[in-house]
PDB file of N, CA and C in Angstrom:
ATOM      1  N   MET A   1      15.053  29.517 -61.458  1.00  0.00           N
ATOM      2  CA  MET A   1      14.426  28.505 -60.632  1.00  0.00           C
ATOM      3  C   MET A   1      14.859  27.100 -61.044  1.00  0.00           C
ATOM      4  N   LEU A   2      14.991  26.886 -62.339  1.00  0.00           N
ATOM      5  CA  LEU A   2      15.375  25.576 -62.837  1.00  0.00           C
ATOM      6  C   LEU A   2      16.780  25.199 -62.389  1.00  0.00           C
ATOM      7  N   TRP A   3      17.705  26.165 -62.453  1.00  0.00           N
ATOM      8  CA  TRP A   3      19.080  25.854 -62.048  1.00  0.00           C
ATOM      9  C   TRP A   3      19.158  25.551 -60.558  1.00  0.00           C
ATOM     10  N   GLU A   4      18.294  26.150 -59.740  1.00  0.00           N
ATOM     11  CA  GLU A   4      18.270  25.862 -58.306  1.00  0.00           C
ATOM     12  C   GLU A   4      17.825  24.408 -58.062  1.00  0.00           C
ATOM     13  N   THR A   5      16.854  23.964 -58.832  1.00  0.00           N
ATOM     14  CA  THR A   5      16.375  22.588 -58.712  1.00  0.00           C
ATOM     15  C   THR A   5      17.471  21.603 -59.116  1.00  0.00           C
ATOM     16  N   GLU A   6      18.158  21.918 -60.215  1.00  0.00           N
ATOM     17  CA  GLU A   6      19.250  21.051 -60.660  1.00  0.00           C
ATOM     18  C   GLU A   6      20.386  21.031 -59.643  1.00  0.00           C
ATOM     19  N   ARG A   7      20.705  22.182 -59.093  1.00  0.00           N
ATOM     20  CA  ARG A   7      21.770  22.252 -58.088  1.00  0.00           C
ATOM     21  C   ARG A   7      21.380  21.457 -56.837  1.00  0.00           C
ATOM     22  N   ALA A   8      20.147  21.582 -56.413  1.00  0.00           N
ATOM     23  CA  ALA A   8      19.678  20.834 -55.247  1.00  0.00           C
ATOM     24  C   ALA A   8      19.747  19.331 -55.518  1.00  0.00           C
ATOM     25  N   ARG A   9      19.377  18.914 -56.711  1.00  0.00           N
ATOM     26  CA  ARG A   9      19.444  17.502 -57.086  1.00  0.00           C
ATOM     27  C   ARG A   9      20.898  17.018 -57.082  1.00  0.00           C
ATOM     28  N   ASP A  10      21.819  17.859 -57.575  1.00  0.00           N
ATOM     29  CA  ASP A  10      23.238  17.507 -57.601  1.00  0.00           C
ATOM     30  C   ASP A  10      23.795  17.384 -56.178  1.00  0.00           C
ATOM     31  N   VAL A  11      23.432  18.313 -55.320  1.00  0.00           N
ATOM     32  CA  VAL A  11      23.890  18.263 -53.927  1.00  0.00           C
ATOM     33  C   VAL A  11      23.345  17.015 -53.237  1.00  0.00           C
ATOM     34  N   LYS A  12      22.085  16.712 -53.483  1.00  0.00           N
ATOM     35  CA  LYS A  12      21.472  15.528 -52.879  1.00  0.00           C
ATOM     36  C   LYS A  12      22.184  14.257 -53.350  1.00  0.00           C
ATOM     37  N   ALA A  13      22.530  14.193 -54.638  1.00  0.00           N
ATOM     38  CA  ALA A  13      23.228  13.022 -55.175  1.00  0.00           C
ATOM     39  C   ALA A  13      24.621  12.901 -54.562  1.00  0.00           C
ATOM     40  N   ARG A  14      25.322  14.023 -54.420  1.00  0.00           N
ATOM     41  CA  ARG A  14      26.660  13.992 -53.816  1.00  0.00           C
ATOM     42  C   ARG A  14      26.595  13.546 -52.358  1.00  0.00           C
ATOM     43  N   LEU A  15      25.600  14.007 -51.639  1.00  0.00           N
ATOM     44  CA  LEU A  15      25.436  13.589 -50.247  1.00  0.00           C
ATOM     45  C   LEU A  15      25.151  12.090 -50.150  1.00  0.00           C
ATOM     46  N   ALA A  16      24.338  11.587 -51.065  1.00  0.00           N
ATOM     47  CA  ALA A  16      24.031  10.153 -51.065  1.00  0.00           C
ATOM     48  C   ALA A  16      25.303   9.337 -51.308  1.00  0.00           C
ATOM     49  N   VAL A  17      26.148   9.789 -52.223  1.00  0.00           N
ATOM     50  CA  VAL A  17      27.404   9.088 -52.505  1.00  0.00           C
ATOM     51  C   VAL A  17      28.314   9.144 -51.282  1.00  0.00           C
ATOM     52  N   ALA A  18      28.415  10.293 -50.639  1.00  0.00           N
ATOM     53  CA  ALA A  18      29.261  10.430 -49.451  1.00  0.00           C
ATOM     54  C   ALA A  18      28.766   9.539 -48.316  1.00  0.00           C
ATOM     55  N   GLU A  19      27.465   9.477 -48.126  1.00  0.00           N
ATOM     56  CA  GLU A  19      26.903   8.615 -47.080  1.00  0.00           C
ATOM     57  C   GLU A  19      27.181   7.138 -47.371  1.00  0.00           C
ATOM     58  N   GLU A  20      27.086   6.752 -48.626  1.00  0.00           N
ATOM     59  CA  GLU A  20      27.369   5.364 -48.994  1.00  0.00           C
ATOM     60  C   GLU A  20      28.835   5.035 -48.764  1.00  0.00           C
ATOM     61  N   ARG A  21      29.733   5.963 -49.072  1.00  0.00           N
ATOM     62  CA  ARG A  21      31.158   5.738 -48.813  1.00  0.00           C
ATOM     63  C   ARG A  21      31.421   5.588 -47.317  1.00  0.00           C
ATOM     64  N   LEU A  22      30.788   6.401 -46.512  1.00  0.00           N
ATOM     65  CA  LEU A  22      30.948   6.287 -45.061  1.00  0.00           C
ATOM     66  C   LEU A  22      30.438   4.939 -44.557  1.00  0.00           C
ATOM     67  N   ARG A  23      29.283   4.526 -45.057  1.00  0.00           N
ATOM     68  CA  ARG A  23      28.725   3.234 -44.650  1.00  0.00           C
ATOM     69  C   ARG A  23      29.663   2.097 -45.048  1.00  0.00           C
ATOM     70  N   PHE A  24      30.170   2.160 -46.261  1.00  0.00           N
ATOM     71  CA  PHE A  24      31.091   1.139 -46.740  1.00  0.00           C
ATOM     72  C   PHE A  24      32.361   1.110 -45.888  1.00  0.00           C
ATOM     73  N   GLY A  25      32.882   2.280 -45.559  1.00  0.00           N
ATOM     74  CA  GLY A  25      34.077   2.362 -44.725  1.00  0.00           C
ATOM     75  C   GLY A  25      33.858   1.764 -43.343  1.00  0.00           C
ATOM     76  N   ARG A  26      32.712   2.047 -42.749  1.00  0.00           N
ATOM     77  CA  ARG A  26      32.396   1.470 -41.431  1.00  0.00           C
ATOM     78  C   ARG A  26      32.281  -0.048 -41.514  1.00  0.00           C
ATOM     79  N   ASP A  27      31.600  -0.530 -42.547  1.00  0.00           N
ATOM     80  CA  ASP A  27      31.455  -1.981 -42.709  1.00  0.00           C
ATOM     81  C   ASP A  27      32.806  -2.656 -42.911  1.00  0.00           C
ATOM     82  N   LEU A  28      33.667  -2.050 -43.726  1.00  0.00           N
ATOM     83  CA  LEU A  28      34.989  -2.615 -43.969  1.00  0.00           C
ATOM     84  C   LEU A  28      35.817  -2.603 -42.681  1.00  0.00           C
ATOM     85  N   HIS A  29      35.724  -1.538 -41.914  1.00  0.00           N
ATOM     86  CA  HIS A  29      36.439  -1.450 -40.638  1.00  0.00           C
ATOM     87  C   HIS A  29      35.987  -2.553 -39.691  1.00  0.00           C
ATOM     88  N   ASP A  30      34.690  -2.759 -39.586  1.00  0.00           N
ATOM     89  CA  ASP A  30      34.162  -3.814 -38.718  1.00  0.00           C
ATOM     90  C   ASP A  30      34.624  -5.193 -39.183  1.00  0.00           C
ATOM     91  N   LEU A  31      34.572  -5.424 -40.476  1.00  0.00           N
ATOM     92  CA  LEU A  31      34.966  -6.716 -41.031  1.00  0.00           C
ATOM     93  C   LEU A  31      36.450  -6.994 -40.775  1.00  0.00           C
ATOM     94  N   MET A  32      37.298  -6.004 -41.006  1.00  0.00           N
ATOM     95  CA  MET A  32      38.732  -6.182 -40.764  1.00  0.00           C
ATOM     96  C   MET A  32      39.003  -6.445 -39.286  1.00  0.00           C
ATOM     97  N   GLY A  33      38.328  -5.721 -38.422  1.00  0.00           N
ATOM     98  CA  GLY A  33      38.527  -5.927 -36.990  1.00  0.00           C
ATOM     99  C   GLY A  33      38.142  -7.329 -36.556  1.00  0.00           C
ATOM    100  N   ARG A  34      37.028  -7.794 -37.036  1.00  0.00           N
ATOM    101  CA  ARG A  34      36.582  -9.153 -36.682  1.00  0.00           C
ATOM    102  C   ARG A  34      37.543 -10.211 -37.225  1.00  0.00           C
ATOM    103  N   ASN A  35      37.973 -10.033 -38.470  1.00  0.00           N
ATOM    104  CA  ASN A  35      38.875 -11.016 -39.072  1.00  0.00           C
ATOM    105  C   ASN A  35      40.223 -11.049 -38.359  1.00  0.00           C
ATOM    106  N   LEU A  36      40.771  -9.900 -38.017  1.00  0.00           N
ATOM    107  CA  LEU A  36      42.046  -9.881 -37.305  1.00  0.00           C
ATOM    108  C   LEU A  36      41.917 -10.512 -35.925  1.00  0.00           C
ATOM    109  N   ALA A  37      40.821 -10.247 -35.256  1.00  0.00           N
ATOM    110  CA  ALA A  37      40.605 -10.866 -33.950  1.00  0.00           C
ATOM    111  C   ALA A  37      40.497 -12.381 -34.084  1.00  0.00           C
ATOM    112  N   LEU A  38      39.815 -12.840 -35.105  1.00  0.00           N
ATOM    113  CA  LEU A  38      39.664 -14.276 -35.333  1.00  0.00           C
ATOM    114  C   LEU A  38      41.000 -14.938 -35.663  1.00  0.00           C
ATOM    115  N   ILE A  39      41.810 -14.282 -36.471  1.00  0.00           N
ATOM    116  CA  ILE A  39      43.137 -14.813 -36.791  1.00  0.00           C
ATOM    117  C   ILE A  39      43.954 -14.971 -35.510  1.00  0.00           C
ATOM    118  N   GLY A  40      43.915 -13.957 -34.660  1.00  0.00           N
ATOM    119  CA  GLY A  40      44.644 -14.028 -33.397  1.00  0.00           C
ATOM    120  C   GLY A  40      44.147 -15.147 -32.507  1.00  0.00           C
ATOM    121  N   LEU A  41      42.845 -15.305 -32.438  1.00  0.00           N
ATOM    122  CA  LEU A  41      42.279 -16.372 -31.610  1.00  0.00           C
ATOM    123  C   LEU A  41      42.654 -17.757 -32.116  1.00  0.00           C
ATOM    124  N   LYS A  42      42.645 -17.925 -33.431  1.00  0.00           N
ATOM    125  CA  LYS A  42      42.962 -19.236 -33.997  1.00  0.00           C
ATOM    126  C   LYS A  42      44.455 -19.552 -33.922  1.00  0.00           C
ATOM    127  N   ALA A  43      45.296 -18.557 -34.023  1.00  0.00           N
ATOM    128  CA  ALA A  43      46.737 -18.792 -34.057  1.00  0.00           C
ATOM    129  C   ALA A  43      47.330 -18.984 -32.672  1.00  0.00           C
ATOM    130  N   GLU A  44      46.795 -18.341 -31.683  1.00  0.00           N
ATOM    131  CA  GLU A  44      47.394 -18.374 -30.349  1.00  0.00           C
ATOM    132  C   GLU A  44      47.511 -19.777 -29.752  1.00  0.00           C
ATOM    133  N   PRO A  45      46.487 -20.635 -29.795  1.00  0.00           N
ATOM    134  CA  PRO A  45      46.651 -21.986 -29.235  1.00  0.00           C
ATOM    135  C   PRO A  45      47.770 -22.781 -29.927  1.00  0.00           C
ATOM    136  N   ALA A  46      47.889 -22.673 -31.224  1.00  0.00           N
ATOM    137  CA  ALA A  46      48.939 -23.396 -31.936  1.00  0.00           C
ATOM    138  C   ALA A  46      50.319 -22.898 -31.527  1.00  0.00           C
ATOM    139  N   VAL A  47      50.458 -21.604 -31.395  1.00  0.00           N
ATOM    140  CA  VAL A  47      51.742 -21.037 -30.969  1.00  0.00           C
ATOM    141  C   VAL A  47      52.083 -21.509 -29.563  1.00  0.00           C
ATOM    142  N   GLN A  48      51.120 -21.499 -28.671  1.00  0.00           N
ATOM    143  CA  GLN A  48      51.365 -21.937 -27.292  1.00  0.00           C
ATOM    144  C   GLN A  48      51.748 -23.422 -27.239  1.00  0.00           C
ATOM    145  N   LEU A  49      51.060 -24.261 -28.011  1.00  0.00           N
ATOM    146  CA  LEU A  49      51.410 -25.680 -28.044  1.00  0.00           C
ATOM    147  C   LEU A  49      52.805 -25.886 -28.608  1.00  0.00           C
ATOM    148  N   GLY A  50      53.157 -25.130 -29.626  1.00  0.00           N
ATOM    149  CA  GLY A  50      54.495 -25.231 -30.188  1.00  0.00           C
ATOM    150  C   GLY A  50      55.564 -24.844 -29.186  1.00  0.00           C
ATOM    151  N   ARG A  51      55.298 -23.839 -28.385  1.00  0.00           N
ATOM    152  CA  ARG A  51      56.249 -23.414 -27.357  1.00  0.00           C
ATOM    153  C   ARG A  51      56.383 -24.453 -26.249  1.00  0.00           C
ATOM    154  N   ARG A  52      55.385 -25.256 -26.064  1.00  0.00           N
ATOM    155  CA  ARG A  52      55.400 -26.268 -24.999  1.00  0.00           C
ATOM    156  C   ARG A  52      55.967 -27.608 -25.471  1.00  0.00           C
ATOM    157  N   GLY A  53      56.547 -27.603 -26.642  1.00  0.00           N
ATOM    158  CA  GLY A  53      57.175 -28.823 -27.113  1.00  0.00           C
ATOM    159  C   GLY A  53      56.268 -29.732 -27.904  1.00  0.00           C
ATOM    160  N   ARG A  54      55.198 -29.216 -28.447  1.00  0.00           N
ATOM    161  CA  ARG A  54      54.291 -30.008 -29.282  1.00  0.00           C
ATOM    162  C   ARG A  54      54.433 -29.528 -30.727  1.00  0.00           C
ATOM    163  N   PRO A  55      55.495 -29.928 -31.395  1.00  0.00           N
ATOM    164  CA  PRO A  55      55.759 -29.420 -32.745  1.00  0.00           C
ATOM    165  C   PRO A  55      54.686 -29.788 -33.763  1.00  0.00           C
ATOM    166  N   GLU A  56      53.904 -30.820 -33.481  1.00  0.00           N
ATOM    167  CA  GLU A  56      52.848 -31.169 -34.448  1.00  0.00           C
ATOM    168  C   GLU A  56      51.763 -30.097 -34.490  1.00  0.00           C
ATOM    169  N   ALA A  57      51.714 -29.250 -33.470  1.00  0.00           N
ATOM    170  CA  ALA A  57      50.698 -28.191 -33.442  1.00  0.00           C
ATOM    171  C   ALA A  57      50.999 -27.102 -34.463  1.00  0.00           C
ATOM    172  N   VAL A  58      52.266 -26.858 -34.652  1.00  0.00           N
ATOM    173  CA  VAL A  58      52.662 -25.852 -35.641  1.00  0.00           C
ATOM    174  C   VAL A  58      53.819 -26.391 -36.463  1.00  0.00           C
ATOM    175  N   LYS A  59      53.668 -26.364 -37.755  1.00  0.00           N
ATOM    176  CA  LYS A  59      54.752 -26.832 -38.611  1.00  0.00           C
ATOM    177  C   LYS A  59      55.878 -25.809 -38.637  1.00  0.00           C
ATOM    178  N   GLU A  60      55.491 -24.554 -38.618  1.00  0.00           N
ATOM    179  CA  GLU A  60      56.469 -23.480 -38.666  1.00  0.00           C
ATOM    180  C   GLU A  60      55.934 -22.319 -37.851  1.00  0.00           C
ATOM    181  N   PRO A  61      56.698 -21.834 -36.866  1.00  0.00           N
ATOM    182  CA  PRO A  61      56.200 -20.716 -36.074  1.00  0.00           C
ATOM    183  C   PRO A  61      56.044 -19.458 -36.930  1.00  0.00           C
ATOM    184  N   PRO A  62      55.136 -18.593 -36.556  1.00  0.00           N
ATOM    185  CA  PRO A  62      54.939 -17.378 -37.351  1.00  0.00           C
ATOM    186  C   PRO A  62      56.211 -16.537 -37.387  1.00  0.00           C
ATOM    187  N   ALA A  63      56.473 -15.923 -38.545  1.00  0.00           N
ATOM    188  CA  ALA A  63      57.668 -15.108 -38.702  1.00  0.00           C
ATOM    189  C   ALA A  63      57.591 -13.838 -37.863  1.00  0.00           C
ATOM    190  N   ARG A  64      56.396 -13.382 -37.613  1.00  0.00           N
ATOM    191  CA  ARG A  64      56.208 -12.191 -36.784  1.00  0.00           C
ATOM    192  C   ARG A  64      54.993 -12.410 -35.901  1.00  0.00           C
ATOM    193  N   PRO A  65      54.848 -11.621 -34.869  1.00  0.00           N
ATOM    194  CA  PRO A  65      53.711 -11.811 -33.963  1.00  0.00           C
ATOM    195  C   PRO A  65      52.373 -11.690 -34.685  1.00  0.00           C
ATOM    196  N   VAL A  66      51.411 -12.447 -34.216  1.00  0.00           N
ATOM    197  CA  VAL A  66      50.066 -12.398 -34.775  1.00  0.00           C
ATOM    198  C   VAL A  66      49.423 -11.089 -34.360  1.00  0.00           C
ATOM    199  N   PRO A  67      48.811 -10.356 -35.288  1.00  0.00           N
ATOM    200  CA  PRO A  67      48.183  -9.087 -34.920  1.00  0.00           C
ATOM    201  C   PRO A  67      47.040  -9.292 -33.931  1.00  0.00           C
ATOM    202  N   SER A  68      46.892  -8.361 -33.040  1.00  0.00           N
ATOM    203  CA  SER A  68      45.786  -8.407 -32.088  1.00  0.00           C
ATOM    204  C   SER A  68      44.865  -7.235 -32.357  1.00  0.00           C
ATOM    205  N   GLU A  69      43.792  -7.169 -31.603  1.00  0.00           N
ATOM    206  CA  GLU A  69      42.836  -6.074 -31.816  1.00  0.00           C
ATOM    207  C   GLU A  69      43.434  -4.727 -31.446  1.00  0.00           C
ATOM    208  N   THR A  70      44.559  -4.700 -30.734  1.00  0.00           N
ATOM    209  CA  THR A  70      45.192  -3.437 -30.356  1.00  0.00           C
ATOM    210  C   THR A  70      46.340  -3.054 -31.294  1.00  0.00           C
ATOM    211  N   THR A  71      46.659  -3.907 -32.277  1.00  0.00           N
ATOM    212  CA  THR A  71      47.727  -3.605 -33.223  1.00  0.00           C
ATOM    213  C   THR A  71      47.248  -2.531 -34.181  1.00  0.00           C
ATOM    214  N   PRO A  72      48.035  -1.448 -34.325  1.00  0.00           N
ATOM    215  CA  PRO A  72      47.623  -0.408 -35.279  1.00  0.00           C
ATOM    216  C   PRO A  72      47.569  -0.941 -36.700  1.00  0.00           C
ATOM    217  N   VAL A  73      46.662  -0.405 -37.490  1.00  0.00           N
ATOM    218  CA  VAL A  73      46.490  -0.847 -38.876  1.00  0.00           C
ATOM    219  C   VAL A  73      47.785  -0.634 -39.659  1.00  0.00           C
ATOM    220  N   SER A  74      48.546   0.409 -39.367  1.00  0.00           N
ATOM    221  CA  SER A  74      49.788   0.672 -40.089  1.00  0.00           C
ATOM    222  C   SER A  74      50.761  -0.485 -39.922  1.00  0.00           C
ATOM    223  N   GLU A  75      50.744  -1.156 -38.778  1.00  0.00           N
ATOM    224  CA  GLU A  75      51.635  -2.292 -38.572  1.00  0.00           C
ATOM    225  C   GLU A  75      51.096  -3.548 -39.244  1.00  0.00           C
ATOM    226  N   VAL A  76      49.800  -3.676 -39.326  1.00  0.00           N
ATOM    227  CA  VAL A  76      49.188  -4.868 -39.926  1.00  0.00           C
ATOM    228  C   VAL A  76      49.409  -4.877 -41.430  1.00  0.00           C
ATOM    229  N   THR A  77      49.406  -3.722 -42.072  1.00  0.00           N
ATOM    230  CA  THR A  77      49.478  -3.647 -43.524  1.00  0.00           C
ATOM    231  C   THR A  77      50.897  -3.653 -44.055  1.00  0.00           C
ATOM    232  N   ARG A  78      51.901  -3.777 -43.223  1.00  0.00           N
ATOM    233  CA  ARG A  78      53.298  -3.796 -43.707  1.00  0.00           C
ATOM    234  C   ARG A  78      53.595  -5.056 -44.463  1.00  0.00           C
TER     235      ARG A  78
END
């Protein structure tokens, strides 16, 4: 009976850790999505002004396209 109680406690602890990892993963996913969207929103006006002949808007154009909310994570992390 004692080992069953210990096993149940161990399973409960493992489930709690797994749930916390899932919660953390969801929060990190949301945070990354919001930040990437914000970067795109902030960069786009400067890029457009630079293309229209307003070099003071951008000192140097981005070396690669600004990631958008539809850009796969594999491309963002390169």
